[in-house]
Amino acid sequence: MWGFHAPGSEGRFDKRFNEAKEQFWDRLRSFAMENGGKYLWVTERAASESEDHFLLKAFVVKLLATRKGIESASAGEMRSRILTEYRDAISGEVYDVYDGGEGIAYEVETLYGEGPFPPKKLQRTAEKRPRVRVVLDPFCASLHLKEVMDLRRQLTSEGKDVEFYAATADGKGSLIEVTGLSKRINDYEG
């Protein structure tokens, strides 16, 4: 559930859950610190942004840099190809991470403090952007899996170019589409 980092089999559920949560965020911190912490330097921090949100954003930057083959580029070069806290000139919307080459916005959502129906925030996020990939922490994605899947079906049936992902901290880290998350959870538990 927390990036599929298997907690120990000893102890109470709350202890194992919190250990897995700590391991997940520690792994994300270590991913962000790779290349001398370059991904932290490349990632702009928004005013009043939580540490969790910032780390997920830096993780997306790392994954995009790897996919583009620019991990060894200078921070300035990387920053020019992967934009963070980017304000779209036409819509005025601010994107957490923007891949200008692909024209895709990546929005990180933790859904902390979003009221009685947190997935509503995902709908607002997706509807405001032409091409968007929404990245959730694995617990949030698991907790709201049904609502996220329903929202994805609704938005794609309306022609929106949207995908929802959960961050994972196993191996080198990755994003897993929520469409495959249910199977992965079942495989993990099974």
Foldseek 3Di string as FASTA:
>chain_A
DQLLPQFDPDDDPVVSVVVSVVVSVVLLVVLCCPPNNLLLVLFDDDPPDDPVQSSVLSSVLSVVCVVVVNPVPHSVVSSVQKPAQDQDPPLRDGARIARVVVREGEHEDALPPCPDDSCVVVLVVQVSGQAYEYEYAPVVCVVCLVVQVVSVVVCVVVVGNYWYWHWHSPDSIDTDTSVCVVVVVVVSVD
